[in-house]
Amino acid sequence: MGLQEIRARVAAEAERVGRAPESVTLIAVSKVQPDARVLEVLEQGHRVFGENRVQEAAGKWPAFRARFQGVELHLIGPLQTNKVRQAMELFDAIHTLDRPRLARSIARIAEELGRCPKLFIQVNTGEEPQKAGVRPGEADGFIAECRDLGLPIEGLMCIPPVDEEPSLHFALLAKIAKRNGIAGLSMGMSDDFESAIAQGATHVRVGSAIFGARDYA
């Protein structure tokens, strides 16, 4: 499919629902993608990327950043507390803040570093036991707890269950964000980003539709 087609589809859907195309940030999810494919997307002028693992990003992005100005890196995979410092030094945004211990660790290291990445709280909208994220009923309390720690809560993030209508989960996330005065909504992936944009997504995370299928071998 490729970057240009995805950009065009993002813009078209934003316009269809009466939004400015620039109100949606396209995160190109480069996890497990070979450097050659990432380089191709960088050379097309794209600068916003998502990675799942701190270790993989640390091995890949310093060299790319040295070559390309203005790269913005988003962590969209789970974050272990022992990787917080490394993640905060590497990423511009973290989309997977999901528990009090992690929030406290980020707050402590942010104070030491004198800065903090933009933070998105992950909400487990489907209440799936195998997935990370705070439950919808606990989201308001956790948002308040993070704000009390002085954390810059930019938005909320969700990954809907694969066997359910994603727009219902996007609508739920938007509702939680609205009542808490949160503007950012990180939701929508390769198969459902248009539905997410219709529900107010400010960040969509698209990987295989831009880069091609991942090779996990």
Protein backbone atom coordinates (compact mmCIF):
# COMPACT_ATOMS: atom_id res chain seq x y z
CA MET A 1 0.00 0.00 0.00
CA GLY A 2 2.66 2.49 1.06
CA LEU A 3 3.06 5.80 2.86
CA GLN A 4 1.51 8.10 0.27
CA GLU A 5 -1.70 6.08 -0.01
CA ILE A 6 -2.09 5.91 3.78
CA ARG A 7 -1.48 9.66 4.06
CA ALA A 8 -4.16 10.24 1.41
CA ARG A 9 -6.63 7.98 3.21
CA VAL A 10 -5.99 9.69 6.55
CA ALA A 11 -6.59 13.11 4.97
CA ALA A 12 -9.71 11.95 3.11
CA GLU A 13 -11.32 10.46 6.22
CA ALA A 14 -10.50 13.54 8.31
CA GLU A 15 -12.10 15.77 5.69
CA ARG A 16 -15.13 13.47 5.39
CA VAL A 17 -15.90 13.91 9.10
CA GLY A 18 -15.23 17.67 9.05
CA ARG A 19 -11.75 17.64 10.56
CA ALA A 20 -8.51 19.20 9.35
CA PRO A 21 -6.14 16.51 8.00
CA GLU A 22 -3.32 17.96 10.11
CA SER A 23 -5.35 17.21 13.27
CA VAL A 24 -4.38 13.54 12.83
CA THR A 25 -0.77 12.45 13.40
CA LEU A 26 0.23 9.37 11.43
CA ILE A 27 2.62 7.20 13.45
CA ALA A 28 4.51 4.84 11.14
CA VAL A 29 5.00 1.70 13.23
CA SER A 30 8.48 0.49 12.36
CA LYS A 31 8.81 -2.35 14.89
CA VAL A 32 10.52 -5.46 13.45
CA GLN A 33 10.91 -3.71 10.09
CA PRO A 34 14.27 -3.92 8.30
CA ASP A 35 16.33 -0.73 8.27
CA ALA A 36 16.01 -0.48 4.47
CA ARG A 37 12.22 -0.13 4.68
CA VAL A 38 12.46 2.44 7.49
CA LEU A 39 15.04 4.39 5.49
CA GLU A 40 12.70 4.45 2.48
CA VAL A 41 9.91 6.03 4.57
CA LEU A 42 12.33 8.55 6.11
CA GLU A 43 13.52 9.52 2.63
CA GLN A 44 9.89 10.20 1.67
CA GLY A 45 9.86 12.86 4.37
CA HIS A 46 7.98 11.07 7.13
CA ARG A 47 9.28 11.81 10.64
CA VAL A 48 6.87 10.26 13.19
CA PHE A 49 7.56 6.62 14.06
CA GLY A 50 6.40 4.06 16.61
CA GLU A 51 8.37 1.25 18.23
CA ASN A 52 7.21 -1.54 20.55
CA ARG A 53 10.43 -2.30 22.37
CA VAL A 54 12.95 0.00 24.03
CA GLN A 55 15.87 -2.29 23.16
CA GLU A 56 15.03 -2.48 19.46
CA ALA A 57 14.52 1.28 19.22
CA ALA A 58 17.85 1.93 20.98
CA GLY A 59 19.64 -0.15 18.37
CA LYS A 60 17.91 1.48 15.41
CA TRP A 61 17.10 5.14 15.98
CA PRO A 62 20.21 7.00 17.17
CA ALA A 63 21.85 6.46 13.74
CA PHE A 64 18.69 7.47 11.86
CA ARG A 65 18.32 10.57 14.05
CA ALA A 66 21.89 11.57 13.25
CA ARG A 67 20.99 11.52 9.54
CA PHE A 68 17.45 12.94 9.60
CA GLN A 69 16.30 16.09 11.40
CA GLY A 70 13.05 16.23 13.31
CA VAL A 71 12.40 12.55 13.99
CA GLU A 72 9.69 12.03 16.63
CA LEU A 73 9.68 8.62 18.31
CA HIS A 74 6.67 7.08 20.09
CA LEU A 75 6.80 4.02 22.36
CA ILE A 76 3.63 2.03 21.69
CA GLY A 77 4.57 -1.25 23.41
CA PRO A 78 4.56 -2.16 27.11
CA LEU A 79 7.14 -0.46 29.32
CA GLN A 80 8.89 -2.28 32.16
CA THR A 81 9.88 -0.15 35.14
CA ASN A 82 13.56 -1.12 34.75
CA LYS A 83 13.55 0.39 31.24
CA VAL A 84 11.94 3.71 32.18
CA ARG A 85 15.07 5.86 32.17
CA GLN A 86 16.24 4.51 28.82
CA ALA A 87 12.77 4.98 27.34
CA MET A 88 12.51 8.55 28.60
CA GLU A 89 15.89 9.44 27.11
CA LEU A 90 14.98 7.90 23.74
CA PHE A 91 11.28 8.55 23.13
CA ASP A 92 9.32 11.77 22.62
CA ALA A 93 6.05 10.11 23.66
CA ILE A 94 5.04 7.01 25.63
CA HIS A 95 1.59 5.56 24.84
CA THR A 96 1.50 2.76 27.41
CA LEU A 97 1.34 4.29 30.89
CA ASP A 98 -0.91 1.77 32.63
CA ARG A 99 -0.14 1.37 36.35
CA PRO A 100 0.68 3.46 39.45
CA ARG A 101 4.19 2.02 39.92
CA LEU A 102 5.14 2.99 36.37
CA ALA A 103 3.65 6.47 36.87
CA ARG A 104 5.71 6.99 40.03
CA SER A 105 8.87 5.80 38.30
CA ILE A 106 8.30 8.17 35.35
CA ALA A 107 7.62 11.09 37.72
CA ARG A 108 10.82 10.43 39.70
CA ILE A 109 13.03 10.16 36.61
CA ALA A 110 11.35 13.17 34.95
CA GLU A 111 12.39 15.22 37.98
CA GLU A 112 15.98 13.98 37.65
CA LEU A 113 16.11 14.63 33.89
CA GLY A 114 14.26 17.93 34.06
CA ARG A 115 11.91 16.86 31.26
CA CYS A 116 9.31 14.26 30.43
CA PRO A 117 8.02 12.72 27.19
CA LYS A 118 4.36 13.25 26.30
CA LEU A 119 2.34 10.55 28.04
CA PHE A 120 -0.70 8.56 26.96
CA ILE A 121 -2.57 6.35 29.42
CA GLN A 122 -3.44 2.93 28.01
CA VAL A 123 -7.05 1.91 28.67
CA ASN A 124 -8.03 -1.75 28.33
CA THR A 125 -11.43 -0.93 26.83
CA GLY A 126 -12.27 -4.60 26.28
CA GLU A 127 -11.19 -5.55 29.82
CA GLU A 128 -9.16 -8.40 28.30
CA PRO A 129 -7.09 -10.26 30.93
CA GLN A 130 -4.12 -10.78 28.59
CA LYS A 131 -3.88 -7.07 27.68
CA ALA A 132 -2.23 -4.21 29.53
CA GLY A 133 -4.11 -1.04 30.37
CA VAL A 134 -6.31 0.32 33.13
CA ARG A 135 -9.93 -0.80 33.11
CA PRO A 136 -12.43 1.84 31.94
CA GLY A 137 -13.98 2.04 35.42
CA GLU A 138 -10.57 2.83 36.95
CA ALA A 139 -9.43 5.30 34.28
CA ASP A 140 -10.70 8.51 35.93
CA GLY A 141 -8.95 7.68 39.21
CA PHE A 142 -5.69 6.77 37.48
CA ILE A 143 -5.74 9.95 35.36
CA ALA A 144 -6.17 11.99 38.56
CA GLU A 145 -3.32 10.08 40.24
CA CYS A 146 -0.98 10.77 37.31
CA ARG A 147 -1.90 14.46 37.31
CA ASP A 148 -1.24 14.65 41.05
CA LEU A 149 2.28 13.40 40.28
CA GLY A 150 2.69 16.30 37.83
CA LEU A 151 2.83 14.07 34.76
CA PRO A 152 2.01 15.62 31.35
CA ILE A 153 -0.97 13.49 30.28
CA GLU A 154 -1.31 14.16 26.57
CA GLY A 155 -3.89 11.51 25.75
CA LEU A 156 -5.41 8.06 26.09
CA MET A 157 -4.61 4.95 24.05
CA CYS A 158 -6.48 1.72 23.36
CA ILE A 159 -6.20 -1.51 21.34
CA PRO A 160 -9.71 -2.93 20.77
CA PRO A 161 -10.35 -6.70 20.98
CA VAL A 162 -9.81 -8.32 17.57
CA ASP A 163 -13.29 -9.89 17.50
CA GLU A 164 -15.33 -6.79 18.42
CA GLU A 165 -16.45 -3.69 16.53
CA PRO A 166 -13.54 -1.26 17.06
CA SER A 167 -15.63 1.90 16.76
CA LEU A 168 -17.44 1.05 20.02
CA HIS A 169 -14.09 0.97 21.81
CA PHE A 170 -12.92 4.17 20.12
CA ALA A 171 -16.15 5.90 21.21
CA LEU A 172 -15.65 4.69 24.80
CA LEU A 173 -12.06 6.01 24.86
CA ALA A 174 -13.21 9.37 23.46
CA LYS A 175 -15.88 9.60 26.16
CA ILE A 176 -13.36 8.94 28.97
CA ALA A 177 -10.99 11.52 27.47
CA LYS A 178 -13.69 14.16 27.11
CA ARG A 179 -14.91 13.95 30.70
CA ASN A 180 -11.30 14.26 31.92
CA GLY A 181 -10.41 17.20 29.66
CA ILE A 182 -7.87 15.19 27.66
CA ALA A 183 -7.35 16.09 24.00
CA GLY A 184 -5.18 13.25 22.66
CA LEU A 185 -6.59 9.93 21.41
CA SER A 186 -4.10 7.30 20.22
CA MET A 187 -6.30 4.73 18.51
CA GLY A 188 -6.61 2.97 15.19
CA MET A 189 -4.19 0.70 13.34
CA SER A 190 -3.77 -0.57 9.76
CA ASP A 191 -7.21 -2.23 9.59
CA ASP A 192 -9.34 0.33 11.41
CA PHE A 193 -7.64 3.76 11.39
CA GLU A 194 -10.44 5.38 9.36
CA SER A 195 -13.01 4.31 11.93
CA ALA A 196 -10.74 5.74 14.64
CA ILE A 197 -10.44 9.08 12.84
CA ALA A 198 -14.24 9.25 12.61
CA GLN A 199 -14.36 8.84 16.41
CA GLY A 200 -11.79 11.61 17.01
CA ALA A 201 -8.36 9.93 16.91
CA THR A 202 -5.50 12.42 17.05
CA HIS A 203 -2.82 9.72 16.55
CA VAL A 204 -3.18 6.60 14.39
CA ARG A 205 -0.61 3.80 14.53
CA VAL A 206 -0.10 2.22 11.11
CA GLY A 207 2.59 -0.36 10.41
CA SER A 208 2.11 -3.11 7.84
CA ALA A 209 -0.05 -0.96 5.55
CA ILE A 210 2.94 1.42 5.19
CA PHE A 211 5.93 -0.92 5.37
CA GLY A 212 4.51 -4.26 4.24
CA ALA A 213 4.09 -7.44 6.28
CA ARG A 214 6.49 -7.95 9.17
CA ASP A 215 8.92 -10.82 9.11
CA TYR A 216 9.21 -12.19 12.65
CA ALA A 217 11.55 -15.01 11.62
